[in-house]
Protein backbone atom coordinates (compact mmCIF):
# COMPACT_ATOMS: atom_id res chain seq x y z
CA GLN A 1 156.90 129.10 98.70
CA VAL A 2 153.91 131.08 98.43
CA GLN A 3 153.43 134.67 99.77
CA LEU A 4 150.58 136.84 99.99
CA VAL A 5 150.66 140.75 100.27
CA GLU A 6 147.80 142.52 101.61
CA SER A 7 147.00 146.21 101.51
CA GLY A 8 144.44 148.47 101.42
CA GLY A 9 143.49 148.95 105.04
CA GLY A 10 142.74 152.44 106.92
CA LEU A 11 140.98 154.54 108.98
CA VAL A 12 137.98 155.67 107.42
CA GLN A 13 134.60 157.36 108.93
CA ALA A 14 131.52 155.58 108.95
CA GLY A 15 129.94 155.42 105.61
CA GLY A 16 133.34 155.53 103.84
CA SER A 17 134.78 153.42 101.58
CA LEU A 18 137.84 150.94 101.36
CA ARG A 19 139.30 148.74 99.01
CA LEU A 20 141.28 146.07 99.95
CA SER A 21 143.81 143.96 97.85
CA CYS A 22 145.65 140.81 98.47
CA ALA A 23 148.26 139.74 95.87
CA ALA A 24 149.35 136.05 95.67
CA SER A 25 152.81 135.09 94.23
CA GLY A 26 155.68 132.25 94.29
CA SER A 27 154.98 128.76 93.01
CA ILE A 28 151.46 128.32 92.26
CA PHE A 29 150.11 125.83 89.77
CA SER A 30 146.42 127.17 90.13
CA ILE A 31 144.25 129.26 92.84
CA ILE A 32 141.29 127.24 93.46
CA ALA A 33 139.58 129.92 96.00
CA MET A 34 140.15 133.24 97.48
CA GLY A 35 138.48 134.99 100.41
CA TRP A 36 138.68 137.48 103.19
CA TYR A 37 138.03 137.03 106.84
CA ARG A 38 138.08 139.49 109.65
CA GLN A 39 139.10 139.32 113.24
CA ALA A 40 137.91 142.13 115.79
CA PRO A 41 139.22 142.37 119.44
CA GLY A 42 138.11 139.80 121.57
CA LYS A 43 136.03 138.10 118.96
CA GLN A 44 136.58 135.10 116.59
CA ARG A 45 137.91 135.36 113.10
CA GLU A 46 135.07 134.91 111.00
CA LEU A 47 134.27 134.56 107.04
CA VAL A 48 133.45 138.01 105.41
CA ALA A 49 133.71 136.77 101.63
CA THR A 50 134.75 134.35 99.47
CA ILE A 51 135.30 133.85 95.84
CA THR A 52 136.02 130.78 93.46
CA SER A 53 138.14 130.07 90.54
CA SER A 54 134.50 130.09 88.56
CA GLY A 55 133.56 133.49 90.16
CA SER A 56 130.73 132.06 92.59
CA THR A 57 130.86 134.28 95.52
CA ASN A 58 129.76 133.73 99.11
CA TYR A 59 129.21 136.73 102.00
CA VAL A 60 128.35 136.76 105.85
CA ASP A 61 124.71 138.24 105.99
CA SER A 62 126.81 141.36 108.18
CA VAL A 63 128.23 142.50 104.48
CA LYS A 64 125.74 141.71 101.60
CA GLY A 65 124.74 144.64 100.09
CA ARG A 66 128.10 146.95 100.85
CA PHE A 67 131.02 144.85 100.41
CA THR A 68 132.02 143.34 96.81
CA ILE A 69 134.63 140.68 96.39
CA SER A 70 136.28 140.34 93.04
CA ARG A 71 139.69 138.59 91.73
CA ASP A 72 141.98 139.17 88.94
CA ASN A 73 142.71 135.49 88.04
CA THR A 74 145.74 136.97 85.91
CA LYS A 75 146.90 139.08 88.52
CA LYS A 76 146.17 136.37 91.15
CA THR A 77 145.07 138.97 93.24
CA VAL A 78 141.62 139.02 95.27
CA TYR A 79 139.74 142.36 96.18
CA LEU A 80 137.26 142.99 98.76
CA GLN A 81 135.70 146.79 98.13
CA MET A 82 134.13 147.78 101.31
CA ASN A 83 130.94 150.62 101.01
CA SER A 84 128.92 152.29 103.53
CA LEU A 85 131.33 150.92 106.67
CA LYS A 86 129.95 150.94 109.83
CA PRO A 87 132.26 150.82 113.04
CA GLU A 88 131.41 147.41 113.50
CA ASP A 89 133.46 146.41 110.37
CA THR A 90 136.28 147.30 112.59
CA ALA A 91 138.88 144.38 112.56
CA VAL A 92 142.00 142.78 111.11
CA TYR A 93 141.40 141.67 107.79
CA TYR A 94 142.98 138.25 106.79
CA CYS A 95 143.31 137.01 103.09
CA ASN A 96 142.89 133.41 102.70
CA VAL A 97 144.12 131.79 99.34
CA ASN A 98 143.26 127.59 98.66
CA LEU A 99 145.68 126.62 95.85
CA VAL A 100 147.61 123.84 94.50
CA ASP A 101 151.35 124.84 94.58
CA GLY A 102 153.61 123.98 92.09
CA TRP A 103 154.35 120.55 93.66
CA GLY A 104 150.77 119.56 93.06
CA ARG A 105 149.73 119.89 96.77
CA ALA A 106 146.51 121.63 97.93
CA VAL A 107 147.69 124.20 100.71
CA ASN A 108 145.91 126.88 102.24
CA TYR A 109 147.69 130.11 103.11
CA TRP A 110 147.06 133.42 105.28
CA GLY A 111 147.83 136.81 104.92
CA GLN A 112 149.73 139.21 107.11
CA GLY A 113 146.64 141.03 108.08
CA THR A 114 145.75 144.55 107.60
CA GLN A 115 143.66 147.12 109.92
CA VAL A 116 140.12 148.52 109.24
CA THR A 117 139.26 150.92 111.57
CA VAL A 118 135.71 152.57 111.60
CA SER A 119 135.01 155.83 113.43
CA SER A 120 131.76 156.89 114.11
């Protein structure tokens, strides 16, 4: 079994910053990719950023230059540094991890979600 624990959400004024963290634990053989998605009220969940095991990153256009995804492989943790936040960044942010578990299975896990609210 694998667990993902997210932290770092909250309420911030426009222009402010937040840092999200997501730590994976449990029966993990290797982590392939980690990422962040978000879902605003009434909207579909969308990709925010991903990072592969080699460190290659990908961002949705709306956050490029403002958000930075990073990972600590030894801690099995992915981070999302969010700067210059805008009200339209308000959403529930979900961590997503693609990994190979202790039984050799390629599986995908989601975190429980953390609320980010940006006030104008």
